[in-house]
Amino acid sequence: MPVQLVYKDQALGKAYEIDLLVEGEVVIENKSVELMNPVFQFQVITYLKLYNKQLGYLINFNVPLLKDGFKRIVHNF
Protein backbone atom coordinates (compact mmCIF):
# COMPACT_ATOMS: atom_id res chain seq x y z
CA MET A 1 0.00 0.00 0.00
CA PRO A 2 1.66 3.25 -1.10
CA VAL A 3 2.08 6.19 1.27
CA GLN A 4 1.80 9.57 -0.40
CA LEU A 5 4.20 12.10 1.06
CA VAL A 6 2.91 15.69 1.40
CA TYR A 7 5.15 18.57 2.48
CA LYS A 8 3.74 22.08 2.97
CA ASP A 9 0.58 21.19 1.03
CA GLN A 10 2.72 19.96 -1.88
CA ALA A 11 2.26 16.32 -2.93
CA LEU A 12 5.66 14.69 -3.41
CA GLY A 13 4.31 11.41 -4.75
CA LYS A 14 4.73 7.88 -3.47
CA ALA A 15 7.61 7.80 -0.98
CA TYR A 16 6.99 4.60 0.98
CA GLU A 17 5.07 1.35 0.62
CA ILE A 18 3.41 -0.38 3.55
CA ASP A 19 3.26 -4.15 3.18
CA LEU A 20 -0.19 -4.50 4.73
CA LEU A 21 -2.78 -2.31 6.45
CA VAL A 22 -5.30 -4.41 8.40
CA GLU A 23 -8.81 -2.99 8.91
CA GLY A 24 -7.39 0.47 8.22
CA GLU A 25 -5.77 0.50 11.67
CA VAL A 26 -2.84 -1.94 12.01
CA VAL A 27 0.37 -1.54 9.98
CA ILE A 28 2.16 -4.79 9.12
CA GLU A 29 5.74 -4.81 7.83
CA ASN A 30 7.05 -8.20 6.66
CA LYS A 31 10.72 -9.18 6.57
CA SER A 32 12.70 -12.33 5.95
CA VAL A 33 16.15 -11.58 7.34
CA GLU A 34 18.68 -13.39 9.48
CA LEU A 35 19.24 -10.43 11.81
CA MET A 36 16.65 -7.79 12.67
CA ASN A 37 18.17 -4.37 12.19
CA PRO A 38 16.87 -1.55 14.44
CA VAL A 39 16.20 0.51 11.31
CA PHE A 40 13.25 -1.83 10.59
CA GLN A 41 11.54 -0.65 13.79
CA PHE A 42 12.07 2.98 12.81
CA GLN A 43 10.60 2.15 9.41
CA VAL A 44 7.38 0.95 11.07
CA ILE A 45 7.31 4.00 13.34
CA THR A 46 7.62 6.23 10.26
CA TYR A 47 4.65 4.44 8.66
CA LEU A 48 2.63 4.86 11.86
CA LYS A 49 3.38 8.60 11.90
CA LEU A 50 2.58 9.11 8.22
CA TYR A 51 -0.70 7.18 8.44
CA ASN A 52 -1.56 8.56 11.89
CA LYS A 53 -1.98 5.04 13.30
CA GLN A 54 -1.07 3.67 16.72
CA LEU A 55 -0.32 -0.03 16.25
CA GLY A 56 2.14 -1.82 14.00
CA TYR A 57 3.75 -5.23 13.77
CA LEU A 58 7.16 -6.05 12.40
CA ILE A 59 7.20 -9.71 11.36
CA ASN A 60 10.33 -11.68 10.48
CA PHE A 61 9.57 -14.93 8.66
CA ASN A 62 13.17 -16.17 8.78
CA VAL A 63 12.95 -17.72 12.27
CA PRO A 64 12.48 -21.34 13.43
CA LEU A 65 9.30 -20.43 15.39
CA LEU A 66 7.13 -17.72 13.85
CA LYS A 67 6.09 -16.43 17.29
CA ASP A 68 9.74 -15.40 17.82
CA GLY A 69 9.60 -13.20 14.73
CA PHE A 70 6.85 -10.84 15.93
CA LYS A 71 7.61 -7.34 17.24
CA ARG A 72 4.70 -5.17 18.37
CA ILE A 73 5.21 -1.42 18.00
CA VAL A 74 2.90 1.16 19.58
CA HIS A 75 3.11 4.85 18.70
CA ASN A 76 1.45 7.71 20.64
CA PHE A 77 -0.31 5.50 23.12
PDB file of N, CA and C in Angstrom:
ATOM      1  N   MET A   1       0.846  -1.168   0.000  1.00  0.00           N
ATOM      2  CA  MET A   1       0.000   0.000   0.000  1.00  0.00           C
ATOM      3  C   MET A   1       0.893   1.233   0.000  1.00  0.00           C
ATOM      4  N   PRO A   2       0.792   2.079  -1.012  1.00  0.00           N
ATOM      5  CA  PRO A   2       1.663   3.249  -1.100  1.00  0.00           C
ATOM      6  C   PRO A   2       1.278   4.340  -0.100  1.00  0.00           C
ATOM      7  N   VAL A   3       2.270   5.045   0.376  1.00  0.00           N
ATOM      8  CA  VAL A   3       2.076   6.188   1.266  1.00  0.00           C
ATOM      9  C   VAL A   3       2.473   7.430   0.480  1.00  0.00           C
ATOM     10  N   GLN A   4       1.533   8.330   0.302  1.00  0.00           N
ATOM     11  CA  GLN A   4       1.805   9.573  -0.401  1.00  0.00           C
ATOM     12  C   GLN A   4       2.421  10.570   0.580  1.00  0.00           C
ATOM     13  N   LEU A   5       3.521  11.143   0.211  1.00  0.00           N
ATOM     14  CA  LEU A   5       4.204  12.103   1.064  1.00  0.00           C
ATOM     15  C   LEU A   5       3.790  13.517   0.661  1.00  0.00           C
ATOM     16  N   VAL A   6       3.341  14.312   1.649  1.00  0.00           N
ATOM     17  CA  VAL A   6       2.914  15.692   1.404  1.00  0.00           C
ATOM     18  C   VAL A   6       3.741  16.591   2.312  1.00  0.00           C
ATOM     19  N   TYR A   7       4.338  17.616   1.721  1.00  0.00           N
ATOM     20  CA  TYR A   7       5.148  18.569   2.476  1.00  0.00           C
ATOM     21  C   TYR A   7       4.682  19.977   2.133  1.00  0.00           C
ATOM     22  N   LYS A   8       4.245  20.714   3.147  1.00  0.00           N
ATOM     23  CA  LYS A   8       3.741  22.081   2.971  1.00  0.00           C
ATOM     24  C   LYS A   8       2.693  22.149   1.865  1.00  0.00           C
ATOM     25  N   ASP A   9       1.707  21.275   1.975  1.00  0.00           N
ATOM     26  CA  ASP A   9       0.584  21.194   1.029  1.00  0.00           C
ATOM     27  C   ASP A   9       1.015  20.864  -0.399  1.00  0.00           C
ATOM     28  N   GLN A  10       2.210  20.345  -0.567  1.00  0.00           N
ATOM     29  CA  GLN A  10       2.716  19.964  -1.882  1.00  0.00           C
ATOM     30  C   GLN A  10       2.884  18.448  -1.922  1.00  0.00           C
ATOM     31  N   ALA A  11       2.146  17.778  -2.806  1.00  0.00           N
ATOM     32  CA  ALA A  11       2.258  16.323  -2.927  1.00  0.00           C
ATOM     33  C   ALA A  11       3.596  15.964  -3.577  1.00  0.00           C
ATOM     34  N   LEU A  12       4.356  15.098  -2.906  1.00  0.00           N
ATOM     35  CA  LEU A  12       5.663  14.690  -3.414  1.00  0.00           C
ATOM     36  C   LEU A  12       5.627  13.304  -4.050  1.00  0.00           C
ATOM     37  N   GLY A  13       4.449  12.719  -4.125  1.00  0.00           N
ATOM     38  CA  GLY A  13       4.314  11.407  -4.751  1.00  0.00           C
ATOM     39  C   GLY A  13       4.513  10.278  -3.763  1.00  0.00           C
ATOM     40  N   LYS A  14       4.580   9.072  -4.302  1.00  0.00           N
ATOM     41  CA  LYS A  14       4.731   7.879  -3.466  1.00  0.00           C
ATOM     42  C   LYS A  14       6.152   7.816  -2.919  1.00  0.00           C
ATOM     43  N   ALA A  15       6.290   7.822  -1.604  1.00  0.00           N
ATOM     44  CA  ALA A  15       7.607   7.797  -0.984  1.00  0.00           C
ATOM     45  C   ALA A  15       7.881   6.462  -0.298  1.00  0.00           C
ATOM     46  N   TYR A  16       6.842   5.843   0.240  1.00  0.00           N
ATOM     47  CA  TYR A  16       6.989   4.595   0.983  1.00  0.00           C
ATOM     48  C   TYR A  16       5.885   3.630   0.576  1.00  0.00           C
ATOM     49  N   GLU A  17       6.109   2.359   0.852  1.00  0.00           N
ATOM     50  CA  GLU A  17       5.072   1.354   0.621  1.00  0.00           C
ATOM     51  C   GLU A  17       4.921   0.476   1.850  1.00  0.00           C
ATOM     52  N   ILE A  18       3.730   0.487   2.419  1.00  0.00           N
ATOM     53  CA  ILE A  18       3.410  -0.378   3.552  1.00  0.00           C
ATOM     54  C   ILE A  18       3.054  -1.750   2.993  1.00  0.00           C
ATOM     55  N   ASP A  19       3.557  -2.797   3.641  1.00  0.00           N
ATOM     56  CA  ASP A  19       3.260  -4.151   3.178  1.00  0.00           C
ATOM     57  C   ASP A  19       1.782  -4.480   3.316  1.00  0.00           C
ATOM     58  N   LEU A  20       1.204  -4.137   4.480  1.00  0.00           N
ATOM     59  CA  LEU A  20      -0.189  -4.498   4.731  1.00  0.00           C
ATOM     60  C   LEU A  20      -0.796  -3.544   5.747  1.00  0.00           C
ATOM     61  N   LEU A  21      -2.029  -3.120   5.503  1.00  0.00           N
ATOM     62  CA  LEU A  21      -2.781  -2.306   6.449  1.00  0.00           C
ATOM     63  C   LEU A  21      -4.062  -3.065   6.767  1.00  0.00           C
ATOM     64  N   VAL A  22      -4.179  -3.553   8.002  1.00  0.00           N
ATOM     65  CA  VAL A  22      -5.297  -4.407   8.404  1.00  0.00           C
ATOM     66  C   VAL A  22      -6.413  -3.550   9.000  1.00  0.00           C
ATOM     67  N   GLU A  23      -7.622  -3.699   8.431  1.00  0.00           N
ATOM     68  CA  GLU A  23      -8.808  -2.989   8.908  1.00  0.00           C
ATOM     69  C   GLU A  23      -8.587  -1.481   8.993  1.00  0.00           C
ATOM     70  N   GLY A  24      -7.654  -0.960   8.218  1.00  0.00           N
ATOM     71  CA  GLY A  24      -7.387   0.470   8.219  1.00  0.00           C
ATOM     72  C   GLY A  24      -6.753   0.986   9.491  1.00  0.00           C
ATOM     73  N   GLU A  25      -6.290   0.089  10.368  1.00  0.00           N
ATOM     74  CA  GLU A  25      -5.770   0.499  11.670  1.00  0.00           C
ATOM     75  C   GLU A  25      -4.399  -0.062  12.018  1.00  0.00           C
ATOM     76  N   VAL A  26      -4.068  -1.261  11.585  1.00  0.00           N
ATOM     77  CA  VAL A  26      -2.837  -1.935  12.014  1.00  0.00           C
ATOM     78  C   VAL A  26      -1.873  -2.049  10.833  1.00  0.00           C
ATOM     79  N   VAL A  27      -0.670  -1.489  11.006  1.00  0.00           N
ATOM     80  CA  VAL A  27       0.365  -1.537   9.980  1.00  0.00           C
ATOM     81  C   VAL A  27       1.186  -2.804  10.168  1.00  0.00           C
ATOM     82  N   ILE A  28       1.356  -3.568   9.085  1.00  0.00           N
ATOM     83  CA  ILE A  28       2.155  -4.786   9.119  1.00  0.00           C
ATOM     84  C   ILE A  28       3.330  -4.624   8.168  1.00  0.00           C
ATOM     85  N   GLU A  29       4.539  -4.842   8.658  1.00  0.00           N
ATOM     86  CA  GLU A  29       5.744  -4.815   7.831  1.00  0.00           C
ATOM     87  C   GLU A  29       6.380  -6.202   7.888  1.00  0.00           C
ATOM     88  N   ASN A  30       6.507  -6.845   6.743  1.00  0.00           N
ATOM     89  CA  ASN A  30       7.053  -8.197   6.656  1.00  0.00           C
ATOM     90  C   ASN A  30       8.517  -8.158   6.258  1.00  0.00           C
ATOM     91  N   LYS A  31       9.300  -9.024   6.894  1.00  0.00           N
ATOM     92  CA  LYS A  31      10.718  -9.176   6.572  1.00  0.00           C
ATOM     93  C   LYS A  31      11.050 -10.660   6.560  1.00  0.00           C
ATOM     94  N   SER A  32      12.138 -10.990   5.900  1.00  0.00           N
ATOM     95  CA  SER A  32      12.701 -12.334   5.950  1.00  0.00           C
ATOM     96  C   SER A  32      14.209 -12.173   5.974  1.00  0.00           C
ATOM     97  N   VAL A  33      14.727 -11.878   7.176  1.00  0.00           N
ATOM     98  CA  VAL A  33      16.149 -11.584   7.338  1.00  0.00           C
ATOM     99  C   VAL A  33      16.729 -12.415   8.476  1.00  0.00           C
ATOM    100  N   GLU A  34      18.035 -12.622   8.424  1.00  0.00           N
ATOM    101  CA  GLU A  34      18.684 -13.394   9.481  1.00  0.00           C
ATOM    102  C   GLU A  34      18.808 -12.596  10.772  1.00  0.00           C
ATOM    103  N   LEU A  35      19.047 -11.292  10.637  1.00  0.00           N
ATOM    104  CA  LEU A  35      19.236 -10.435  11.810  1.00  0.00           C
ATOM    105  C   LEU A  35      18.343  -9.209  11.673  1.00  0.00           C
ATOM    106  N   MET A  36      17.534  -8.962  12.694  1.00  0.00           N
ATOM    107  CA  MET A  36      16.648  -7.794  12.671  1.00  0.00           C
ATOM    108  C   MET A  36      17.463  -6.537  12.978  1.00  0.00           C
ATOM    109  N   ASN A  37      17.467  -5.626  12.057  1.00  0.00           N
ATOM    110  CA  ASN A  37      18.173  -4.369  12.188  1.00  0.00           C
ATOM    111  C   ASN A  37      17.237  -3.355  12.862  1.00  0.00           C
ATOM    112  N   PRO A  38      17.734  -2.551  13.788  1.00  0.00           N
ATOM    113  CA  PRO A  38      16.868  -1.553  14.440  1.00  0.00           C
ATOM    114  C   PRO A  38      16.215  -0.577  13.461  1.00  0.00           C
ATOM    115  N   VAL A  39      16.790  -0.395  12.295  1.00  0.00           N
ATOM    116  CA  VAL A  39      16.201   0.513  11.311  1.00  0.00           C
ATOM    117  C   VAL A  39      14.823   0.018  10.867  1.00  0.00           C
ATOM    118  N   PHE A  40      14.564  -1.285  10.954  1.00  0.00           N
ATOM    119  CA  PHE A  40      13.253  -1.825  10.588  1.00  0.00           C
ATOM    120  C   PHE A  40      12.169  -1.320  11.534  1.00  0.00           C
ATOM    121  N   GLN A  41      12.498  -1.192  12.824  1.00  0.00           N
ATOM    122  CA  GLN A  41      11.539  -0.651  13.793  1.00  0.00           C
ATOM    123  C   GLN A  41      11.239   0.812  13.486  1.00  0.00           C
ATOM    124  N   PHE A  42      12.270   1.570  13.146  1.00  0.00           N
ATOM    125  CA  PHE A  42      12.072   2.980  12.807  1.00  0.00           C
ATOM    126  C   PHE A  42      11.261   3.124  11.528  1.00  0.00           C
ATOM    127  N   GLN A  43      11.398   2.158  10.626  1.00  0.00           N
ATOM    128  CA  GLN A  43      10.602   2.152   9.407  1.00  0.00           C
ATOM    129  C   GLN A  43       9.116   2.028   9.747  1.00  0.00           C
ATOM    130  N   VAL A  44       8.777   1.121  10.659  1.00  0.00           N
ATOM    131  CA  VAL A  44       7.380   0.947  11.067  1.00  0.00           C
ATOM    132  C   VAL A  44       6.880   2.193  11.784  1.00  0.00           C
ATOM    133  N   ILE A  45       7.696   2.774  12.635  1.00  0.00           N
ATOM    134  CA  ILE A  45       7.310   4.001  13.340  1.00  0.00           C
ATOM    135  C   ILE A  45       7.038   5.129  12.342  1.00  0.00           C
ATOM    136  N   THR A  46       7.843   5.230  11.306  1.00  0.00           N
ATOM    137  CA  THR A  46       7.622   6.232  10.264  1.00  0.00           C
ATOM    138  C   THR A  46       6.279   6.009   9.591  1.00  0.00           C
ATOM    139  N   TYR A  47       5.947   4.753   9.264  1.00  0.00           N
ATOM    140  CA  TYR A  47       4.651   4.443   8.660  1.00  0.00           C
ATOM    141  C   TYR A  47       3.507   4.815   9.597  1.00  0.00           C
ATOM    142  N   LEU A  48       3.672   4.533  10.886  1.00  0.00           N
ATOM    143  CA  LEU A  48       2.629   4.865  11.860  1.00  0.00           C
ATOM    144  C   LEU A  48       2.414   6.376  11.917  1.00  0.00           C
ATOM    145  N   LYS A  49       3.493   7.130  11.877  1.00  0.00           N
ATOM    146  CA  LYS A  49       3.381   8.596  11.904  1.00  0.00           C
ATOM    147  C   LYS A  49       2.708   9.121  10.640  1.00  0.00           C
ATOM    148  N   LEU A  50       3.130   8.611   9.483  1.00  0.00           N
ATOM    149  CA  LEU A  50       2.585   9.107   8.216  1.00  0.00           C
ATOM    150  C   LEU A  50       1.104   8.776   8.061  1.00  0.00           C
ATOM    151  N   TYR A  51       0.695   7.605   8.547  1.00  0.00           N
ATOM    152  CA  TYR A  51      -0.697   7.184   8.437  1.00  0.00           C
ATOM    153  C   TYR A  51      -1.534   7.587   9.639  1.00  0.00           C
ATOM    154  N   ASN A  52      -0.882   8.172  10.660  1.00  0.00           N
ATOM    155  CA  ASN A  52      -1.557   8.561  11.890  1.00  0.00           C
ATOM    156  C   ASN A  52      -2.249   7.353  12.537  1.00  0.00           C
ATOM    157  N   LYS A  53      -1.500   6.272  12.673  1.00  0.00           N
ATOM    158  CA  LYS A  53      -1.981   5.037  13.301  1.00  0.00           C
ATOM    159  C   LYS A  53      -1.194   4.798  14.578  1.00  0.00           C
ATOM    160  N   GLN A  54      -1.716   3.923  15.436  1.00  0.00           N
ATOM    161  CA  GLN A  54      -1.068   3.674  16.722  1.00  0.00           C
ATOM    162  C   GLN A  54      -0.374   2.329  16.814  1.00  0.00           C
ATOM    163  N   LEU A  55      -0.825   1.330  16.068  1.00  0.00           N
ATOM    164  CA  LEU A  55      -0.323  -0.028  16.254  1.00  0.00           C
ATOM    165  C   LEU A  55       0.282  -0.581  14.974  1.00  0.00           C
ATOM    166  N   GLY A  56       1.464  -1.179  15.133  1.00  0.00           N
ATOM    167  CA  GLY A  56       2.138  -1.816  14.003  1.00  0.00           C
ATOM    168  C   GLY A  56       2.833  -3.089  14.451  1.00  0.00           C
ATOM    169  N   TYR A  57       3.021  -3.994  13.520  1.00  0.00           N
ATOM    170  CA  TYR A  57       3.746  -5.232  13.772  1.00  0.00           C
ATOM    171  C   TYR A  57       4.857  -5.380  12.752  1.00  0.00           C
ATOM    172  N   LEU A  58       6.029  -5.721  13.241  1.00  0.00           N
ATOM    173  CA  LEU A  58       7.162  -6.052  12.403  1.00  0.00           C
ATOM    174  C   LEU A  58       7.315  -7.566  12.492  1.00  0.00           C
ATOM    175  N   ILE A  59       7.192  -8.251  11.357  1.00  0.00           N
ATOM    176  CA  ILE A  59       7.200  -9.713  11.361  1.00  0.00           C
ATOM    177  C   ILE A  59       8.375 -10.219  10.539  1.00  0.00           C
ATOM    178  N   ASN A  60       9.210 -11.046  11.168  1.00  0.00           N
ATOM    179  CA  ASN A  60      10.330 -11.679  10.479  1.00  0.00           C
ATOM    180  C   ASN A  60       9.975 -13.147  10.253  1.00  0.00           C
ATOM    181  N   PHE A  61       9.924 -13.553   8.993  1.00  0.00           N
ATOM    182  CA  PHE A  61       9.567 -14.928   8.661  1.00  0.00           C
ATOM    183  C   PHE A  61      10.769 -15.864   8.628  1.00  0.00           C
ATOM    184  N   ASN A  62      11.963 -15.347   8.824  1.00  0.00           N
ATOM    185  CA  ASN A  62      13.173 -16.168   8.778  1.00  0.00           C
ATOM    186  C   ASN A  62      13.591 -16.581  10.195  1.00  0.00           C
ATOM    187  N   VAL A  63      12.686 -17.227  10.920  1.00  0.00           N
ATOM    188  CA  VAL A  63      12.950 -17.717  12.274  1.00  0.00           C
ATOM    189  C   VAL A  63      12.395 -19.141  12.393  1.00  0.00           C
ATOM    190  N   PRO A  64      12.984 -19.969  13.277  1.00  0.00           N
ATOM    191  CA  PRO A  64      12.477 -21.340  13.434  1.00  0.00           C
ATOM    192  C   PRO A  64      11.027 -21.390  13.920  1.00  0.00           C
ATOM    193  N   LEU A  65      10.674 -20.540  14.894  1.00  0.00           N
ATOM    194  CA  LEU A  65       9.300 -20.433  15.392  1.00  0.00           C
ATOM    195  C   LEU A  65       8.767 -19.048  15.042  1.00  0.00           C
ATOM    196  N   LEU A  66       7.661 -18.999  14.319  1.00  0.00           N
ATOM    197  CA  LEU A  66       7.135 -17.718  13.853  1.00  0.00           C
ATOM    198  C   LEU A  66       6.817 -16.770  15.003  1.00  0.00           C
ATOM    199  N   LYS A  67       6.414 -17.307  16.153  1.00  0.00           N
ATOM    200  CA  LYS A  67       6.094 -16.433  17.290  1.00  0.00           C
ATOM    201  C   LYS A  67       7.317 -15.633  17.750  1.00  0.00           C
ATOM    202  N   ASP A  68       8.521 -16.120  17.456  1.00  0.00           N
ATOM    203  CA  ASP A  68       9.741 -15.400  17.816  1.00  0.00           C
ATOM    204  C   ASP A  68      10.045 -14.266  16.845  1.00  0.00           C
ATOM    205  N   GLY A  69       9.345 -14.215  15.722  1.00  0.00           N
ATOM    206  CA  GLY A  69       9.603 -13.198  14.725  1.00  0.00           C
ATOM    207  C   GLY A  69       8.688 -11.991  14.809  1.00  0.00           C
ATOM    208  N   PHE A  70       7.796 -11.951  15.806  1.00  0.00           N
ATOM    209  CA  PHE A  70       6.851 -10.838  15.931  1.00  0.00           C
ATOM    210  C   PHE A  70       7.397  -9.749  16.842  1.00  0.00           C
ATOM    211  N   LYS A  71       7.260  -8.505  16.415  1.00  0.00           N
ATOM    212  CA  LYS A  71       7.614  -7.343  17.240  1.00  0.00           C
ATOM    213  C   LYS A  71       6.458  -6.361  17.164  1.00  0.00           C
ATOM    214  N   ARG A  72       5.839  -6.097  18.294  1.00  0.00           N
ATOM    215  CA  ARG A  72       4.703  -5.171  18.373  1.00  0.00           C
ATOM    216  C   ARG A  72       5.236  -3.768  18.641  1.00  0.00           C
ATOM    217  N   ILE A  73       4.751  -2.798  17.870  1.00  0.00           N
ATOM    218  CA  ILE A  73       5.213  -1.417  17.999  1.00  0.00           C
ATOM    219  C   ILE A  73       3.996  -0.520  18.182  1.00  0.00           C
ATOM    220  N   VAL A  74       3.999   0.244  19.274  1.00  0.00           N
ATOM    221  CA  VAL A  74       2.903   1.163  19.579  1.00  0.00           C
ATOM    222  C   VAL A  74       3.439   2.578  19.517  1.00  0.00           C
ATOM    223  N   HIS A  75       2.701   3.451  18.842  1.00  0.00           N
ATOM    224  CA  HIS A  75       3.109   4.845  18.698  1.00  0.00           C
ATOM    225  C   HIS A  75       2.007   5.756  19.247  1.00  0.00           C
ATOM    226  N   ASN A  76       2.404   6.750  20.045  1.00  0.00           N
ATOM    227  CA  ASN A  76       1.449   7.713  20.635  1.00  0.00           C
ATOM    228  C   ASN A  76       0.343   7.061  21.422  1.00  0.00           C
ATOM    229  N   PHE A  77       0.693   6.181  22.314  1.00  0.00           N
ATOM    230  CA  PHE A  77      -0.305   5.498  23.124  1.00  0.00           C
ATOM    231  C   PHE A  77      -0.681   6.349  24.303  1.00  0.00           C
TER     232      PHE A  77
END
